[in-house]
Amino acid sequence: MKNIKLIYILPNLFTALSVFFGMMSIIASSQGKFEKAFIYIVLSFIADGLDGRVARMTNTQSKFGLEFDSLADIVAFGVAPAMMLFFSIGHDYGKFGALVTGLFVVFGTIRLARFNVTTENNDPSVFIGLPIPTASAVLASFIMLNIDLNHIFNIYLLIGALGLGILMVSNVRFSSFKKIDVQKNAKLKVLVSIIIIASFLYLYPIWTLAITLGGYTTYGVMRAIFSLTKIRRAK
């Protein structure tokens, strides 16, 4: 019985780690240590990815785990990147900077609530609206990129953060990669692609993350625009 109870605790342990790293990121941002804040968000991203997989592998999914994960995501992927944005550039733009910071958290919370009530009815191959962990990673990586470039994109970054918030509550569909069926002859190409991306991550982590995640987000938006255009032409 003790082993069984321990198995149920395991996925929640990763969720606890995710929210802990999120809090550490907030503290680091308040101290102006943005590189540390970014690393903690990445660690939260990893922990969040593991908790669901561990729960499915051990068949220990629960309503408590679902609610705990959502609350953890609000801190780790809503508040943490928003505070990173505010302390790095948002405070220089007064009410507008504060507004964008707040809206990112509000839209992220709405995204999580909508996901919880519709997850059973959705196609598992797509996400409806940009997932909050992805939005967080995109925002954090571009904040670091902006810092590396001596803050030359400050206002554009704030507008982009607002755009990410809107995408989270939109009906734009983004690939989930959960049900991808890789053909046998394409597996080698996928492996090579992963190795190349991992190599660039080692050499240029910030640039690689920003370009890769930004490309993923842009692809979803462009695909939605193309679909709408196609439907209108058909009518």
Protein backbone atom coordinates (compact mmCIF):
# COMPACT_ATOMS: atom_id res chain seq x y z
CA MET A 1 0.00 0.00 0.00
CA LYS A 2 2.85 2.40 0.77
CA ASN A 3 4.31 1.86 -2.72
CA ILE A 4 0.95 2.58 -4.32
CA LYS A 5 0.57 5.84 -2.37
CA LEU A 6 4.10 6.86 -3.30
CA ILE A 7 3.29 6.40 -7.00
CA TYR A 8 0.35 8.82 -6.65
CA ILE A 9 2.63 11.40 -5.02
CA LEU A 10 5.27 11.24 -7.78
CA PRO A 11 3.54 13.30 -10.52
CA ASN A 12 2.43 15.88 -7.95
CA LEU A 13 6.04 16.17 -6.84
CA PHE A 14 7.01 17.38 -10.33
CA THR A 15 4.09 19.84 -10.23
CA ALA A 16 5.35 21.14 -6.88
CA LEU A 17 8.81 21.55 -8.39
CA SER A 18 7.30 23.53 -11.26
CA VAL A 19 5.59 26.05 -8.97
CA PHE A 20 8.71 26.23 -6.76
CA PHE A 21 10.89 27.10 -9.75
CA GLY A 22 8.27 29.66 -10.77
CA MET A 23 8.56 31.37 -7.38
CA MET A 24 12.36 31.33 -7.62
CA SER A 25 12.05 32.99 -11.04
CA ILE A 26 9.86 35.75 -9.59
CA ILE A 27 12.37 36.41 -6.81
CA ALA A 28 15.26 36.45 -9.30
CA SER A 29 13.39 38.93 -11.54
CA SER A 30 12.71 41.24 -8.59
CA GLN A 31 16.47 41.27 -7.96
CA GLY A 32 17.28 42.02 -11.60
CA LYS A 33 18.84 38.58 -12.13
CA PHE A 34 17.05 37.86 -15.38
CA GLU A 35 19.30 35.06 -16.58
CA LYS A 36 18.52 33.13 -13.39
CA ALA A 37 14.83 33.96 -13.79
CA PHE A 38 14.91 32.57 -17.32
CA ILE A 39 16.67 29.36 -16.22
CA TYR A 40 14.05 28.81 -13.51
CA ILE A 41 11.24 29.21 -16.06
CA VAL A 42 12.93 26.62 -18.29
CA LEU A 43 13.21 24.27 -15.30
CA SER A 44 9.50 24.83 -14.59
CA PHE A 45 8.77 24.03 -18.23
CA ILE A 46 10.65 20.72 -17.92
CA ALA A 47 9.00 19.79 -14.60
CA ASP A 48 5.56 20.62 -16.02
CA GLY A 49 6.21 18.38 -19.01
CA LEU A 50 7.25 15.51 -16.76
CA ASP A 51 4.32 15.59 -14.33
CA GLY A 52 1.71 14.76 -16.95
CA ARG A 53 3.84 12.09 -18.58
CA VAL A 54 4.62 10.45 -15.24
CA ALA A 55 0.91 10.48 -14.34
CA ARG A 56 -0.03 8.81 -17.64
CA MET A 57 2.80 6.26 -17.43
CA THR A 58 1.85 5.27 -13.87
CA ASN A 59 -1.91 5.64 -14.48
CA THR A 60 -2.19 8.02 -11.53
CA GLN A 61 -4.20 10.86 -13.10
CA SER A 62 -6.56 12.50 -10.62
CA LYS A 63 -8.81 15.56 -10.31
CA PHE A 64 -6.52 16.85 -7.57
CA GLY A 65 -3.53 16.52 -9.90
CA LEU A 66 -5.36 18.42 -12.66
CA GLU A 67 -6.31 21.30 -10.35
CA PHE A 68 -2.86 21.37 -8.74
CA ASP A 69 -1.22 21.51 -12.17
CA SER A 70 -3.41 24.44 -13.26
CA LEU A 71 -2.67 26.44 -10.11
CA ALA A 72 1.04 25.73 -10.50
CA ASP A 73 0.92 26.85 -14.15
CA ILE A 74 -0.61 30.20 -13.16
CA VAL A 75 2.45 30.90 -11.00
CA ALA A 76 5.16 29.29 -13.15
CA PHE A 77 3.93 30.35 -16.60
CA GLY A 78 1.68 33.29 -15.85
CA VAL A 79 3.09 35.34 -12.99
CA ALA A 80 6.79 34.38 -13.38
CA PRO A 81 7.27 35.50 -17.03
CA ALA A 82 4.98 38.51 -16.44
CA MET A 83 7.18 39.65 -13.55
CA MET A 84 10.25 39.05 -15.68
CA LEU A 85 8.71 41.31 -18.32
CA PHE A 86 7.73 44.00 -15.81
CA PHE A 87 11.04 44.16 -13.95
CA SER A 88 13.10 44.11 -17.17
CA ILE A 89 11.20 46.73 -19.23
CA GLY A 90 7.55 47.05 -18.19
CA HIS A 91 8.17 49.43 -15.29
CA ASP A 92 9.67 51.95 -17.75
CA TYR A 93 6.31 52.27 -19.55
CA GLY A 94 4.11 53.19 -16.59
CA LYS A 95 0.47 52.14 -16.77
CA PHE A 96 0.87 50.48 -20.16
CA GLY A 97 3.66 48.23 -18.88
CA ALA A 98 1.59 47.33 -15.81
CA LEU A 99 -1.49 46.70 -17.98
CA VAL A 100 0.33 44.31 -20.33
CA THR A 101 1.86 42.49 -17.35
CA GLY A 102 -1.53 42.04 -15.73
CA LEU A 103 -3.33 41.01 -18.91
CA PHE A 104 -0.75 38.32 -19.66
CA VAL A 105 -1.58 36.68 -16.31
CA VAL A 106 -5.34 37.16 -16.71
CA PHE A 107 -5.42 35.71 -20.24
CA GLY A 108 -3.19 32.83 -19.15
CA THR A 109 -5.58 32.03 -16.30
CA ILE A 110 -8.55 32.08 -18.68
CA ARG A 111 -6.63 29.76 -21.04
CA LEU A 112 -6.07 27.25 -18.21
CA ALA A 113 -9.71 27.38 -17.08
CA ARG A 114 -10.96 26.85 -20.63
CA PHE A 115 -8.58 23.94 -21.15
CA ASN A 116 -9.79 22.24 -17.95
CA VAL A 117 -13.46 22.37 -18.94
CA THR A 118 -13.02 21.45 -22.62
CA THR A 119 -10.07 19.04 -22.63
CA GLU A 120 -12.25 15.92 -22.95
CA ASN A 121 -13.98 17.26 -26.08
CA ASN A 122 -10.93 18.61 -27.91
CA ASP A 123 -8.88 16.95 -30.63
CA PRO A 124 -5.69 15.72 -28.86
CA SER A 125 -3.59 16.55 -31.93
CA VAL A 126 -4.11 20.31 -31.50
CA PHE A 127 -4.32 22.95 -28.79
CA ILE A 128 -7.10 25.53 -29.06
CA GLY A 129 -5.30 28.72 -28.16
CA LEU A 130 -1.59 28.99 -27.44
CA PRO A 131 -0.73 26.86 -24.37
CA ILE A 132 0.42 28.97 -21.42
CA PRO A 133 3.76 27.08 -20.98
CA THR A 134 4.60 27.81 -24.63
CA ALA A 135 3.57 31.47 -24.30
CA SER A 136 5.74 31.71 -21.20
CA ALA A 137 8.77 30.19 -22.92
CA VAL A 138 8.34 32.44 -25.96
CA LEU A 139 8.07 35.57 -23.80
CA ALA A 140 10.99 34.65 -21.53
CA SER A 141 13.29 33.78 -24.44
CA PHE A 142 12.50 37.05 -26.25
CA ILE A 143 13.06 39.02 -23.04
CA MET A 144 16.54 37.49 -22.81
CA LEU A 145 17.12 38.17 -26.51
CA ASN A 146 16.10 41.79 -26.00
CA ILE A 147 18.53 42.09 -23.07
CA ASP A 148 21.34 40.64 -25.21
CA LEU A 149 20.53 43.26 -27.88
CA ASN A 150 20.65 46.14 -25.36
CA HIS A 151 16.88 46.63 -25.11
CA ILE A 152 16.32 47.74 -28.70
CA PHE A 153 12.90 46.00 -28.95
CA ASN A 154 11.32 47.17 -25.67
CA ILE A 155 8.01 48.54 -26.98
CA TYR A 156 7.69 45.77 -29.57
CA LEU A 157 8.25 43.20 -26.84
CA LEU A 158 5.43 44.67 -24.76
CA ILE A 159 3.11 44.61 -27.78
CA GLY A 160 4.24 41.05 -28.51
CA ALA A 161 3.47 40.01 -24.91
CA LEU A 162 -0.04 41.41 -25.32
CA GLY A 163 -0.32 39.46 -28.58
CA LEU A 164 0.73 36.25 -26.81
CA GLY A 165 -1.97 36.85 -24.20
CA ILE A 166 -4.61 37.27 -26.90
CA LEU A 167 -3.41 34.11 -28.68
CA MET A 168 -3.86 32.14 -25.45
CA VAL A 169 -7.59 32.95 -25.36
CA SER A 170 -8.09 32.77 -29.12
CA ASN A 171 -9.48 29.86 -31.15
CA VAL A 172 -6.27 29.54 -33.17
CA ARG A 173 -5.15 25.92 -33.30
CA PHE A 174 -1.57 24.93 -32.53
CA SER A 175 -0.04 21.49 -33.05
CA SER A 176 0.24 19.49 -29.82
CA PHE A 177 2.67 16.82 -31.12
CA LYS A 178 0.89 14.28 -28.90
CA LYS A 179 -0.52 12.16 -31.73
CA ILE A 180 2.14 12.57 -34.40
CA ASP A 181 2.60 9.35 -36.35
CA VAL A 182 6.11 9.49 -37.74
CA GLN A 183 6.49 7.23 -40.77
CA LYS A 184 9.26 4.68 -40.67
CA ASN A 185 11.26 6.30 -43.47
CA ALA A 186 10.99 9.73 -41.80
CA LYS A 187 12.25 8.71 -38.36
CA LEU A 188 15.87 9.23 -39.32
CA LYS A 189 15.11 12.76 -40.58
CA VAL A 190 13.31 13.58 -37.32
CA LEU A 191 16.26 12.27 -35.31
CA VAL A 192 18.73 14.32 -37.34
CA SER A 193 16.54 17.43 -36.96
CA ILE A 194 16.41 16.98 -33.18
CA ILE A 195 20.19 16.55 -33.01
CA ILE A 196 20.71 19.74 -35.07
CA ILE A 197 18.33 21.75 -32.87
CA ALA A 198 20.00 20.37 -29.72
CA SER A 199 23.39 21.38 -31.12
CA PHE A 200 22.21 24.94 -31.72
CA LEU A 201 20.68 24.98 -28.23
CA TYR A 202 24.10 24.14 -26.83
CA LEU A 203 25.83 26.86 -28.88
CA TYR A 204 23.16 29.60 -28.90
CA PRO A 205 20.47 28.69 -26.33
CA ILE A 206 18.60 32.02 -26.26
CA TRP A 207 18.56 32.58 -30.02
CA THR A 208 17.60 28.96 -30.72
CA LEU A 209 14.72 28.97 -28.24
CA ALA A 210 13.45 32.34 -29.44
CA ILE A 211 13.57 31.36 -33.12
CA THR A 212 12.16 27.83 -32.62
CA LEU A 213 9.30 28.79 -30.29
CA GLY A 214 8.61 32.01 -32.19
CA GLY A 215 8.45 29.99 -35.40
CA TYR A 216 6.02 27.51 -33.81
CA THR A 217 3.74 30.37 -32.71
CA THR A 218 3.96 32.17 -36.07
CA TYR A 219 3.22 28.93 -37.94
CA GLY A 220 0.00 28.46 -35.95
CA VAL A 221 -1.13 32.01 -36.68
CA MET A 222 -0.26 31.81 -40.38
CA ARG A 223 -2.05 28.48 -40.72
CA ALA A 224 -5.18 30.00 -39.15
CA ILE A 225 -5.03 32.99 -41.51
CA PHE A 226 -4.58 30.68 -44.51
CA SER A 227 -7.56 28.55 -43.42
CA LEU A 228 -9.79 31.61 -43.03
CA THR A 229 -8.74 32.92 -46.44
CA LYS A 230 -9.44 29.53 -48.01
CA ILE A 231 -12.92 29.39 -46.44
CA ARG A 232 -13.80 32.90 -47.62
CA ARG A 233 -12.67 32.12 -51.17
CA ALA A 234 -14.78 28.96 -51.15
CA LYS A 235 -17.87 30.99 -50.18
